[in-house]
């Protein structure tokens, strides 16, 4: 059995996937790299097959009809043979020195029967043209280099969230939680991180900058204009987060608080994108989202609605929308979330 399975979802990735995979190959025999070709129309499939041929026993090329990022991730989960599982997108890459430290730590945890459910490390926003590249660290909230439970976790800053870039899950946790990401849907990385959290009993944090999150392609899903065009998919994920996890049943108080804050920021992002679009139809979609949240769980809805951002996002009229957008811009600059 491998120590770590890494799924690399690929769709028309011929121009940049080599750099990603080459950094992952430094993990050696402890790692299996699952290149999931999601119905690409360029040379992605050919490149994947070449890697599999060159690195047998380490690289596996998996070809499927196009199903979107979530379908590719789920294919990775279903095929993984490693104790642990990570997703690395094909336009991103990892720091090889940090990778070596992480593998050594995971190996020690497994060999001493202390395999944790969730392993956390840092990531960097590798933004094209940026002189100072922001690093997301967690040392203020998570004790380092020890096996802990949620009771040991402190307070996360606003804008400081555990994202797909920072997580390595024990593979069985992903299977036990019933994770099932929707097809042909962007932003499912939020579900990938969020849904398994109540199944996590132990975690470990290593304060190293491991994942390079590339930001710079014009068609990237996190560009604001792209997100507005795909607002229906953002809202779909937002609703699924609320549906798939009953926060009232999350036993640990600190985890429950963290997950509520996560749901809150995703709801704020959905709302502000609708408002920033300036389109009447999207204003109605924002209202429909909040009505859905009320119907899904009235208690959680009231807490969301009564929060500062919930009140601001629902101010009436054109003036209210302007105040909400201004508040969001200020928060974005001061907190620094992307």
Protein backbone atom coordinates (compact mmCIF):
# COMPACT_ATOMS: atom_id res chain seq x y z
CA UNK A 1 0.00 0.00 0.00
CA UNK A 2 1.21 3.50 -0.85
CA UNK A 3 1.62 6.17 1.80
CA UNK A 4 0.02 8.99 -0.20
CA UNK A 5 -2.21 9.10 -3.26
CA UNK A 6 -2.25 12.38 -5.18
CA UNK A 7 -4.98 13.00 -7.70
CA UNK A 8 -4.18 15.47 -10.48
CA UNK A 9 -7.40 16.42 -12.29
CA UNK A 10 -6.52 17.42 -15.85
CA UNK A 11 -8.62 19.02 -18.55
CA UNK A 12 -6.73 20.39 -21.56
CA UNK A 13 -3.68 20.77 -19.33
CA UNK A 14 -0.94 20.04 -21.85
CA UNK A 15 0.74 23.43 -21.42
CA UNK A 16 1.39 23.23 -17.68
CA UNK A 17 0.79 19.74 -16.27
CA UNK A 18 4.42 18.64 -16.65
CA UNK A 19 5.66 21.11 -14.05
CA UNK A 20 3.01 19.96 -11.59
CA UNK A 21 3.72 16.26 -12.06
CA UNK A 22 7.50 16.67 -12.01
CA UNK A 23 7.33 18.22 -8.53
CA UNK A 24 5.14 15.34 -7.33
CA UNK A 25 7.54 12.73 -8.69
CA UNK A 26 10.10 13.83 -6.10
CA UNK A 27 7.99 11.90 -3.57
CA UNK A 28 9.36 8.63 -4.94
CA UNK A 29 7.87 5.21 -4.23
CA UNK A 30 5.87 6.40 -1.21
CA UNK A 31 3.55 8.26 -3.57
CA UNK A 32 1.13 7.25 -6.30
CA UNK A 33 0.20 9.96 -8.76
CA UNK A 34 -3.24 9.54 -10.31
CA UNK A 35 -3.41 11.67 -13.44
CA UNK A 36 -7.12 11.90 -14.18
CA UNK A 37 -7.66 12.96 -17.79
CA UNK A 38 -11.18 14.40 -17.72
CA UNK A 39 -12.05 14.06 -21.40
CA UNK A 40 -9.33 16.43 -22.63
CA UNK A 41 -9.25 17.42 -26.29
CA UNK A 42 -5.54 18.29 -26.48
CA UNK A 43 -2.45 16.17 -25.74
CA UNK A 44 -3.21 15.76 -22.02
CA UNK A 45 -4.08 12.06 -22.40
CA UNK A 46 -0.90 11.38 -24.37
CA UNK A 47 1.26 13.12 -21.76
CA UNK A 48 -0.44 11.17 -18.96
CA UNK A 49 0.21 7.87 -20.72
CA UNK A 50 3.85 8.80 -21.27
CA UNK A 51 4.30 9.47 -17.55
CA UNK A 52 2.67 6.15 -16.65
CA UNK A 53 4.98 4.30 -19.05
CA UNK A 54 8.06 6.08 -17.73
CA UNK A 55 7.17 5.73 -14.03
CA UNK A 56 5.35 2.38 -13.62
CA UNK A 57 4.14 1.74 -10.10
CA UNK A 58 4.15 5.46 -9.33
CA UNK A 59 2.06 7.14 -12.03
CA UNK A 60 -1.34 5.87 -13.15
CA UNK A 61 -3.12 7.49 -16.07
CA UNK A 62 -6.90 7.34 -15.80
CA UNK A 63 -9.07 8.45 -18.72
CA UNK A 64 -12.75 9.32 -18.44
CA UNK A 65 -15.48 11.23 -20.22
CA UNK A 66 -15.64 14.87 -19.24
CA UNK A 67 -17.38 15.28 -15.90
CA UNK A 68 -15.75 18.34 -14.42
CA UNK A 69 -13.37 18.88 -11.52
CA UNK A 70 -15.57 17.10 -8.99
CA UNK A 71 -15.88 13.99 -11.13
CA UNK A 72 -12.10 13.87 -11.58
CA UNK A 73 -11.51 14.22 -7.84
CA UNK A 74 -14.02 11.44 -7.09
CA UNK A 75 -12.30 9.20 -9.63
CA UNK A 76 -9.12 9.82 -7.70
CA UNK A 77 -10.78 8.91 -4.40
CA UNK A 78 -12.27 5.71 -5.81
CA UNK A 79 -8.94 4.59 -7.29
CA UNK A 80 -6.63 5.66 -4.48
CA UNK A 81 -4.50 2.97 -2.85
CA UNK A 82 -2.69 5.27 -0.42
CA UNK A 83 -3.30 5.67 3.30
CA UNK A 84 -3.65 9.39 2.64
CA UNK A 85 -5.13 11.39 -0.23
CA UNK A 86 -4.45 14.82 -1.68
CA UNK A 87 -5.63 16.79 -4.71
CA UNK A 88 -3.15 18.92 -6.65
CA UNK A 89 -4.61 20.81 -9.59
CA UNK A 90 -2.66 20.52 -12.83
CA UNK A 91 -1.73 24.23 -12.98
CA UNK A 92 -0.41 24.21 -9.42
CA UNK A 93 2.68 22.55 -7.95
CA UNK A 94 4.34 21.68 -4.64
CA UNK A 95 7.54 22.71 -2.90
CA UNK A 96 9.80 19.67 -3.04
CA UNK A 97 11.62 20.33 0.26
CA UNK A 98 8.31 20.73 2.11
CA UNK A 99 7.04 17.61 0.32
CA UNK A 100 9.93 15.56 1.72
CA UNK A 101 9.21 16.79 5.26
CA UNK A 102 5.51 15.98 4.92
CA UNK A 103 6.16 12.47 3.63
CA UNK A 104 8.62 11.79 6.44
CA UNK A 105 6.05 12.96 8.99
CA UNK A 106 3.22 10.93 7.48
CA UNK A 107 5.45 7.86 7.39
CA UNK A 108 6.35 8.27 11.07
CA UNK A 109 2.69 8.72 12.05
CA UNK A 110 1.64 5.57 10.19
CA UNK A 111 4.54 3.46 11.45
CA UNK A 112 3.82 4.43 15.07
CA UNK A 113 0.06 3.75 14.76
CA UNK A 114 -0.78 7.45 15.10
CA UNK A 115 -2.22 8.01 11.62
CA UNK A 116 -4.34 11.15 11.86
CA UNK A 117 -7.54 11.86 9.97
CA UNK A 118 -6.42 15.26 8.66
CA UNK A 119 -2.95 16.63 7.93
CA UNK A 120 -2.64 20.40 7.42
CA UNK A 121 0.17 22.44 5.86
CA UNK A 122 0.52 25.93 4.40
CA UNK A 123 -0.02 27.19 0.88
CA UNK A 124 1.05 30.25 -1.07
CA UNK A 125 -0.94 32.39 -3.49
CA UNK A 126 1.49 32.25 -6.43
CA UNK A 127 0.00 35.21 -8.24
CA UNK A 128 1.54 36.32 -11.52
CA UNK A 129 3.15 39.74 -11.20
CA UNK A 130 2.77 39.99 -7.42
CA UNK A 131 5.94 41.20 -5.66
CA UNK A 132 4.81 39.90 -2.29
CA UNK A 133 3.07 36.55 -2.48
CA UNK A 134 0.69 35.86 0.37
CA UNK A 135 1.18 32.71 2.41
CA UNK A 136 -1.69 31.12 4.32
CA UNK A 137 -0.36 29.84 7.64
CA UNK A 138 -2.20 28.33 10.60
CA UNK A 139 0.35 28.47 13.44
CA UNK A 140 -1.80 30.95 15.37
CA UNK A 141 -4.71 28.49 15.44
CA UNK A 142 -3.28 24.97 15.24
CA UNK A 143 -0.50 23.62 17.50
CA UNK A 144 2.39 22.37 15.38
CA UNK A 145 4.04 18.95 15.20
CA UNK A 146 1.70 17.06 17.48
CA UNK A 147 -1.34 14.83 17.14
CA UNK A 148 -4.29 16.88 18.39
CA UNK A 149 -8.08 16.94 18.49
CA UNK A 150 -10.43 19.84 17.73
CA UNK A 151 -10.36 20.71 21.45
CA UNK A 152 -6.73 21.76 20.98
CA UNK A 153 -7.45 24.05 18.03
CA UNK A 154 -7.58 27.78 18.70
CA UNK A 155 -9.30 30.66 16.94
CA UNK A 156 -8.91 31.19 13.19
CA UNK A 157 -8.65 34.74 11.90
CA UNK A 158 -11.31 36.06 9.54
CA UNK A 159 -10.30 35.02 6.04
CA UNK A 160 -8.17 32.17 7.38
CA UNK A 161 -9.71 28.91 6.24
CA UNK A 162 -8.48 25.38 5.68
CA UNK A 163 -8.82 24.98 1.92
CA UNK A 164 -8.16 22.11 -0.46
CA UNK A 165 -4.62 23.40 -0.96
CA UNK A 166 -3.82 22.88 2.72
CA UNK A 167 -5.40 19.47 3.41
CA UNK A 168 -4.30 15.88 3.18
CA UNK A 169 -7.11 13.57 4.30
CA UNK A 170 -6.81 9.99 5.43
CA UNK A 171 -8.37 8.23 2.45
CA UNK A 172 -10.80 6.19 4.52
CA UNK A 173 -12.26 9.38 6.02
CA UNK A 174 -13.24 10.55 2.54
CA UNK A 175 -14.96 7.24 1.93
CA UNK A 176 -16.63 7.00 5.33
CA UNK A 177 -18.17 10.49 5.08
CA UNK A 178 -19.97 9.62 1.84
CA UNK A 179 -18.31 12.36 -0.15
CA UNK A 180 -19.94 12.69 -3.56
CA UNK A 181 -18.97 15.79 -5.51
CA UNK A 182 -21.37 16.97 -8.24
CA UNK A 183 -20.41 16.68 -11.90
CA UNK A 184 -19.85 19.65 -14.23
CA UNK A 185 -19.67 22.04 -11.28
CA UNK A 186 -16.94 24.47 -10.29
CA UNK A 187 -16.04 25.38 -6.69
CA UNK A 188 -16.54 21.83 -5.39
CA UNK A 189 -13.23 22.16 -3.54
CA UNK A 190 -15.28 23.77 -0.76
CA UNK A 191 -17.37 20.60 -0.46
CA UNK A 192 -14.24 18.44 -0.59
CA UNK A 193 -12.86 20.16 2.49
CA UNK A 194 -16.13 20.86 4.34
CA UNK A 195 -18.14 17.63 4.21
CA UNK A 196 -15.50 15.31 5.78
CA UNK A 197 -14.68 17.64 8.71
CA UNK A 198 -17.18 16.12 11.21
CA UNK A 199 -15.49 12.73 10.61
CA UNK A 200 -12.09 14.11 11.58
CA UNK A 201 -11.18 13.18 15.14
CA UNK A 202 -7.41 13.76 15.03
CA UNK A 203 -5.28 16.20 13.07
CA UNK A 204 -1.68 17.29 12.66
CA UNK A 205 -0.19 20.56 11.46
CA UNK A 206 3.23 21.06 9.89
CA UNK A 207 4.20 24.71 9.42
CA UNK A 208 5.75 24.43 5.96
CA UNK A 209 4.77 26.15 2.71
CA UNK A 210 3.87 23.13 0.60
CA UNK A 211 1.29 24.01 -2.05
CA UNK A 212 1.76 26.67 -4.72
CA UNK A 213 -1.70 27.91 -5.73
CA UNK A 214 -1.22 29.50 -9.15
CA UNK A 215 -3.28 32.59 -9.95
CA UNK A 216 -2.85 34.23 -13.30
CA UNK A 217 -4.73 32.53 -16.11
CA UNK A 218 -7.50 34.74 -17.46
CA UNK A 219 -10.01 31.90 -17.62
CA UNK A 220 -9.35 30.75 -14.05
CA UNK A 221 -12.47 29.90 -12.06
CA UNK A 222 -11.51 32.20 -9.16
CA UNK A 223 -11.41 35.37 -11.29
CA UNK A 224 -14.32 37.53 -10.14
CA UNK A 225 -15.83 38.08 -13.58
CA UNK A 226 -15.67 34.32 -14.21
CA UNK A 227 -17.29 33.62 -10.85
CA UNK A 228 -20.13 36.01 -11.68
CA UNK A 229 -20.73 34.19 -14.97
CA UNK A 230 -20.78 30.93 -13.02
CA UNK A 231 -22.87 32.23 -10.14
CA UNK A 232 -25.34 29.34 -10.47
CA UNK A 233 -22.55 26.87 -9.69
CA UNK A 234 -21.30 28.93 -6.73
CA UNK A 235 -24.84 28.97 -5.33
CA UNK A 236 -25.25 25.24 -5.98
CA UNK A 237 -22.16 24.45 -3.91
CA UNK A 238 -23.32 26.89 -1.22
CA UNK A 239 -26.64 25.04 -0.94
CA UNK A 240 -24.98 21.62 -0.91
CA UNK A 241 -22.73 22.70 1.96
CA UNK A 242 -25.81 23.64 3.97
CA UNK A 243 -27.65 20.45 2.98
CA UNK A 244 -24.93 17.87 3.41
CA UNK A 245 -23.78 18.85 6.90
CA UNK A 246 -26.21 19.38 9.77
CA UNK A 247 -24.18 21.77 11.89
CA UNK A 248 -26.42 21.16 14.91
CA UNK A 249 -25.19 17.57 14.95
CA UNK A 250 -21.49 18.47 14.89
CA UNK A 251 -20.54 17.45 18.41
CA UNK A 252 -17.35 19.42 18.95
CA UNK A 253 -18.14 23.05 19.75
CA UNK A 254 -14.94 24.47 18.26
CA UNK A 255 -15.35 22.54 15.03
CA UNK A 256 -18.99 23.55 14.82
CA UNK A 257 -18.03 27.22 15.20
CA UNK A 258 -15.34 26.95 12.55
CA UNK A 259 -17.70 25.23 10.11
CA UNK A 260 -20.39 27.86 10.69
CA UNK A 261 -17.86 30.58 9.88
CA UNK A 262 -16.88 28.69 6.72
CA UNK A 263 -20.51 28.45 5.62
CA UNK A 264 -20.98 32.12 6.42
CA UNK A 265 -18.11 33.33 4.23
CA UNK A 266 -19.21 31.15 1.31
CA UNK A 267 -22.73 32.59 1.65
CA UNK A 268 -21.34 36.12 1.75
CA UNK A 269 -19.28 35.44 -1.40
CA UNK A 270 -22.35 34.06 -3.20
CA UNK A 271 -24.37 37.09 -2.15
CA UNK A 272 -21.78 39.72 -3.05
CA UNK A 273 -21.16 38.19 -6.47
CA UNK A 274 -24.88 38.46 -7.18
CA UNK A 275 -24.87 42.09 -6.07
CA UNK A 276 -21.67 43.05 -7.91
CA UNK A 277 -23.09 41.66 -11.15
CA UNK A 278 -25.62 44.50 -11.23
CA UNK A 279 -28.12 42.13 -12.86
CA UNK A 280 -31.68 42.02 -11.56
CA UNK A 281 -31.93 38.28 -12.15
CA UNK A 282 -28.91 37.72 -9.91
CA UNK A 283 -30.45 39.91 -7.20
CA UNK A 284 -33.36 37.46 -7.22
CA UNK A 285 -30.95 34.52 -7.07
CA UNK A 286 -29.36 36.00 -3.96
CA UNK A 287 -32.77 36.33 -2.33
CA UNK A 288 -33.67 32.78 -3.33
CA UNK A 289 -30.44 31.49 -1.76
CA UNK A 290 -31.29 33.06 1.59
CA UNK A 291 -34.85 31.70 1.38
CA UNK A 292 -33.39 28.24 0.72
CA UNK A 293 -31.14 28.53 3.77
CA UNK A 294 -34.15 29.44 5.91
CA UNK A 295 -36.13 26.45 4.66
CA UNK A 296 -33.17 24.10 5.03
CA UNK A 297 -32.37 25.02 8.65
CA UNK A 298 -34.20 27.93 10.29
CA UNK A 299 -31.84 28.00 13.28
CA UNK A 300 -28.67 28.25 11.22
CA UNK A 301 -30.37 30.75 8.91
CA UNK A 302 -31.23 33.05 11.81
CA UNK A 303 -27.63 32.97 13.01
CA UNK A 304 -26.37 33.76 9.51
CA UNK A 305 -28.96 36.47 8.97
CA UNK A 306 -28.36 38.19 12.31
CA UNK A 307 -24.58 38.33 11.85
CA UNK A 308 -22.99 41.59 10.72
CA UNK A 309 -22.30 40.37 7.19
CA UNK A 310 -25.71 38.73 6.93
CA UNK A 311 -27.41 42.00 7.80
CA UNK A 312 -25.24 43.97 5.39
CA UNK A 313 -25.79 41.52 2.52
CA UNK A 314 -29.55 41.90 2.90
CA UNK A 315 -29.88 45.68 3.13
CA UNK A 316 -32.79 46.74 0.89
CA UNK A 317 -32.70 48.70 -2.33
CA UNK A 318 -29.97 50.16 -4.49
CA UNK A 319 -28.42 52.02 -1.56
CA UNK A 320 -28.30 48.81 0.46
CA UNK A 321 -26.57 46.98 -2.39
CA UNK A 322 -24.01 49.79 -2.64
CA UNK A 323 -23.27 49.61 1.09
CA UNK A 324 -22.88 45.83 0.89
CA UNK A 325 -20.40 46.06 -1.99
CA UNK A 326 -18.40 48.77 -0.23
CA UNK A 327 -18.30 46.76 3.00
CA UNK A 328 -17.11 43.71 1.09
CA UNK A 329 -14.31 45.65 -0.65
CA UNK A 330 -13.09 47.02 2.68
CA UNK A 331 -13.18 43.57 4.24
CA UNK A 332 -11.38 42.09 1.27
CA UNK A 333 -8.56 44.61 1.60
CA UNK A 334 -8.23 44.42 5.38
CA UNK A 335 -8.70 40.67 5.81
CA UNK A 336 -7.02 39.77 2.53
CA UNK A 337 -9.12 36.82 1.45
CA UNK A 338 -9.21 35.97 -2.24
